[in-house]
Amino acid sequence: MITPADITVITPFGNDGMLGKALNKAIKDAPTEWVLVHDDDVLLKLHVNWRLVCAAAINKHPDAGLFYPWITALCASTTTAQDQLVPKGAPKPFDGMDKHIACAKEIWKTHGYSVTEIPNAQIGGACHLTSKTAWAKSGGYPGIGMFDEDHGYCRALTAAGYSIYRIDGLYIYHLGSIRGHRESSFIPGECGSKEIRAKK
């Protein structure tokens, strides 16, 4: 039986096309079988017991390859990812934290501990939960660039025979995005990765 203490929570950093490498190192070095990786601008605390919700999902499907929560719109890079990641009617990223908290409460009230298997998942890399076993058997995250380490890992897991699940009762807030969205930056002149690479 997995408990919240059995999940390592890590915020890997790998800018300018190196996120896949950073994610692989984070999973490899984690002291537990299950690892939750998330960007440093992700707020998990909209649901006060998010660790318990994650542990419950693992206990329902211990052989899963990956779990992910509902998340704010900024991290959805394709239409398919948008449908799989962003709940219908969710507030926009900068609508105000009170609206996102209300959204998280409503989603929990509606879905509770339920999880849904998502075929052909295209999750965003901003926040997900995976096992070291699935990571190793699938070959890990591709180191091919900043914007495909998440979808590439999903494809690798699926090819290795693993299922991917959405944690239906968990909604988290993603403050910003590396895709040039600077509205969330408090540092004047801060650029997204694509702009940094373009200047080199």
Protein backbone atom coordinates (compact mmCIF):
# COMPACT_ATOMS: atom_id res chain seq x y z
CA MET A 1 0.00 0.00 0.00
CA ILE A 2 1.50 3.30 -1.14
CA THR A 3 1.34 6.22 1.29
CA PRO A 4 2.08 9.92 0.62
CA ALA A 5 5.54 9.39 2.15
CA ASP A 6 6.31 6.90 -0.64
CA ILE A 7 6.12 9.60 -3.33
CA THR A 8 9.20 11.73 -4.00
CA VAL A 9 8.32 15.24 -5.19
CA ILE A 10 10.95 16.91 -7.38
CA THR A 11 11.21 20.13 -9.38
CA PRO A 12 13.83 19.39 -12.06
CA PHE A 13 15.37 22.22 -14.05
CA GLY A 14 16.54 21.89 -17.62
CA ASN A 15 16.29 24.98 -19.79
CA ASP A 16 17.06 25.48 -23.48
CA GLY A 17 16.18 21.97 -24.68
CA MET A 18 17.64 20.06 -21.74
CA LEU A 19 14.47 19.28 -19.77
CA GLY A 20 14.39 15.65 -20.90
CA LYS A 21 17.89 15.15 -19.51
CA ALA A 22 16.93 16.85 -16.23
CA LEU A 23 13.80 14.71 -15.88
CA ASN A 24 15.77 11.51 -16.47
CA LYS A 25 18.29 12.48 -13.79
CA ALA A 26 15.51 13.35 -11.35
CA ILE A 27 13.80 9.99 -11.77
CA LYS A 28 17.07 8.06 -11.63
CA ASP A 29 18.20 9.76 -8.41
CA ALA A 30 14.82 9.59 -6.61
CA PRO A 31 14.87 7.40 -3.47
CA THR A 32 11.35 6.03 -4.00
CA GLU A 33 9.62 4.00 -6.73
CA TRP A 34 7.04 6.72 -7.40
CA VAL A 35 8.10 10.23 -8.34
CA LEU A 36 6.03 13.36 -8.94
CA VAL A 37 7.85 15.92 -11.08
CA HIS A 38 6.55 19.44 -11.60
CA ASP A 39 7.62 22.85 -12.85
CA ASP A 40 8.58 25.41 -10.24
CA ASP A 41 5.58 27.56 -11.19
CA VAL A 42 2.98 24.87 -10.44
CA LEU A 43 0.79 25.25 -7.36
CA LEU A 44 -0.33 21.86 -6.07
CA LYS A 45 -1.88 23.19 -2.87
CA LEU A 46 -5.27 24.05 -4.42
CA HIS A 47 -6.22 20.64 -3.02
CA VAL A 48 -4.91 20.45 0.53
CA ASN A 49 -4.66 16.64 0.44
CA TRP A 50 -3.15 16.29 -3.03
CA ARG A 51 -0.54 13.82 -1.77
CA LEU A 52 -3.28 11.51 -0.47
CA VAL A 53 -5.12 11.77 -3.79
CA CYS A 54 -1.95 10.79 -5.68
CA ALA A 55 -1.29 7.84 -3.37
CA ALA A 56 -4.87 6.64 -3.79
CA ALA A 57 -4.53 6.74 -7.58
CA ILE A 58 -1.38 4.60 -7.43
CA ASN A 59 -3.08 2.07 -5.15
CA LYS A 60 -5.95 1.76 -7.63
CA HIS A 61 -3.60 1.18 -10.58
CA PRO A 62 -0.15 0.17 -9.27
CA ASP A 63 0.95 -1.00 -12.71
CA ALA A 64 0.22 2.34 -14.40
CA GLY A 65 2.93 4.15 -16.26
CA LEU A 66 1.88 7.70 -15.45
CA PHE A 67 -0.77 9.80 -13.70
CA TYR A 68 -1.51 13.48 -14.24
CA PRO A 69 -4.00 16.03 -12.86
CA TRP A 70 -6.24 18.58 -14.52
CA ILE A 71 -4.19 21.73 -15.03
CA THR A 72 -4.47 25.37 -16.08
CA ALA A 73 -4.59 26.06 -19.80
CA LEU A 74 -1.11 27.49 -20.36
CA CYS A 75 0.64 24.13 -20.48
CA ALA A 76 -1.60 22.57 -23.16
CA SER A 77 0.39 22.65 -26.39
CA THR A 78 -2.07 20.92 -28.77
CA THR A 79 -5.85 20.64 -29.15
CA THR A 80 -5.69 17.03 -27.99
CA ALA A 81 -3.62 17.99 -24.97
CA GLN A 82 -6.08 20.80 -24.20
CA ASP A 83 -8.98 18.33 -24.11
CA GLN A 84 -7.03 15.87 -21.97
CA LEU A 85 -5.53 18.39 -19.55
CA VAL A 86 -7.86 21.36 -19.09
CA PRO A 87 -11.32 20.89 -17.54
CA LYS A 88 -14.22 22.41 -19.45
CA GLY A 89 -15.27 25.73 -17.97
CA ALA A 90 -12.00 26.20 -16.06
CA PRO A 91 -10.91 29.80 -15.41
CA LYS A 92 -8.20 31.35 -17.53
CA PRO A 93 -4.66 31.42 -16.14
CA PHE A 94 -4.84 35.00 -14.87
CA ASP A 95 -8.51 35.17 -13.83
CA GLY A 96 -7.57 35.29 -10.15
CA MET A 97 -6.59 32.63 -7.62
CA ASP A 98 -10.02 32.66 -5.98
CA LYS A 99 -11.57 31.34 -9.20
CA HIS A 100 -8.98 28.60 -9.50
CA ILE A 101 -9.53 27.53 -5.90
CA ALA A 102 -13.28 27.41 -6.54
CA CYS A 103 -12.62 25.33 -9.66
CA ALA A 104 -10.44 22.89 -7.70
CA LYS A 105 -13.16 22.49 -5.05
CA GLU A 106 -15.85 21.84 -7.65
CA ILE A 107 -13.72 19.27 -9.47
CA TRP A 108 -12.99 17.45 -6.23
CA LYS A 109 -16.64 17.52 -5.23
CA THR A 110 -17.65 16.11 -8.62
CA HIS A 111 -14.95 13.46 -9.14
CA GLY A 112 -13.39 12.63 -5.78
CA TYR A 113 -10.81 9.85 -6.03
CA SER A 114 -11.82 8.69 -9.53
CA VAL A 115 -9.23 8.22 -12.26
CA THR A 116 -9.70 7.81 -16.02
CA GLU A 117 -7.46 5.94 -18.42
CA ILE A 118 -6.50 8.22 -21.33
CA PRO A 119 -5.53 6.38 -24.53
CA ASN A 120 -2.98 8.16 -26.71
CA ALA A 121 -2.36 10.67 -23.94
CA GLN A 122 -0.50 13.91 -24.73
CA ILE A 123 0.08 15.21 -21.24
CA GLY A 124 2.01 18.36 -20.48
CA GLY A 125 5.30 18.09 -18.67
CA ALA A 126 4.32 20.67 -16.03
CA CYS A 127 3.15 18.05 -13.52
CA HIS A 128 2.92 14.27 -13.59
CA LEU A 129 3.49 11.19 -11.46
CA THR A 130 5.44 8.20 -12.79
CA SER A 131 7.22 5.10 -11.54
CA LYS A 132 10.90 4.31 -11.84
CA THR A 133 10.04 0.87 -13.23
CA ALA A 134 7.91 2.28 -16.06
CA TRP A 135 10.51 4.98 -16.71
CA ALA A 136 13.30 2.40 -17.03
CA LYS A 137 11.34 -0.05 -19.20
CA SER A 138 10.14 2.69 -21.56
CA GLY A 139 13.59 4.19 -22.06
CA GLY A 140 12.84 7.40 -20.16
CA TYR A 141 12.26 10.91 -21.44
CA PRO A 142 13.57 11.77 -24.92
CA GLY A 143 16.29 14.38 -24.85
CA ILE A 144 15.18 15.94 -28.11
CA GLY A 145 14.09 19.35 -26.98
CA MET A 146 12.12 21.44 -24.51
CA PHE A 147 8.74 20.91 -26.12
CA ASP A 148 8.52 17.16 -26.74
CA GLU A 149 9.90 15.51 -23.64
CA ASP A 150 6.36 15.11 -22.25
CA HIS A 151 4.55 13.81 -25.37
CA GLY A 152 7.59 11.69 -26.25
CA TYR A 153 7.53 10.07 -22.82
CA CYS A 154 3.82 9.29 -23.23
CA ARG A 155 4.52 7.61 -26.56
CA ALA A 156 7.36 5.61 -25.03
CA LEU A 157 5.18 4.45 -22.12
CA THR A 158 2.37 3.43 -24.46
CA ALA A 159 4.81 1.52 -26.69
CA ALA A 160 6.10 -0.30 -23.61
CA GLY A 161 2.55 -1.40 -22.73
CA TYR A 162 1.83 1.05 -19.91
CA SER A 163 -1.44 2.89 -19.32
CA ILE A 164 -1.73 6.61 -18.55
CA TYR A 165 -4.40 7.93 -16.22
CA ARG A 166 -5.84 11.33 -15.36
CA ILE A 167 -6.55 11.95 -11.68
CA ASP A 168 -10.05 13.35 -12.17
CA GLY A 169 -10.49 14.97 -8.77
CA LEU A 170 -7.24 16.92 -8.76
CA TYR A 171 -6.85 20.35 -10.38
CA ILE A 172 -3.65 22.34 -10.06
CA TYR A 173 -2.61 25.85 -11.05
CA HIS A 174 0.18 26.47 -13.55
CA LEU A 175 1.30 30.06 -13.17
CA GLY A 176 3.23 30.53 -16.38
CA SER A 177 4.66 28.84 -19.43
CA ILE A 178 8.02 28.71 -21.16
CA ARG A 179 6.29 29.30 -24.50
CA GLY A 180 6.89 33.03 -24.45
CA HIS A 181 4.14 33.81 -21.91
CA ARG A 182 5.78 36.52 -19.84
CA GLU A 183 2.62 37.78 -18.12
CA SER A 184 3.53 35.70 -15.08
CA SER A 185 7.08 37.02 -14.80
CA PHE A 186 8.05 39.41 -12.03
CA ILE A 187 11.44 40.07 -13.65
CA PRO A 188 11.46 42.87 -16.26
CA GLY A 189 12.70 41.62 -19.60
CA GLU A 190 12.57 37.92 -18.74
CA CYS A 191 12.24 35.82 -21.91
CA GLY A 192 10.86 32.40 -22.74
CA SER A 193 13.21 29.69 -23.95
CA LYS A 194 12.25 30.01 -27.62
CA GLU A 195 13.27 33.67 -27.59
CA ILE A 196 16.51 32.91 -25.81
CA ARG A 197 17.45 30.34 -28.42
CA ALA A 198 16.51 32.70 -31.25
CA LYS A 199 19.03 35.28 -29.98
CA LYS A 200 21.93 32.85 -29.94
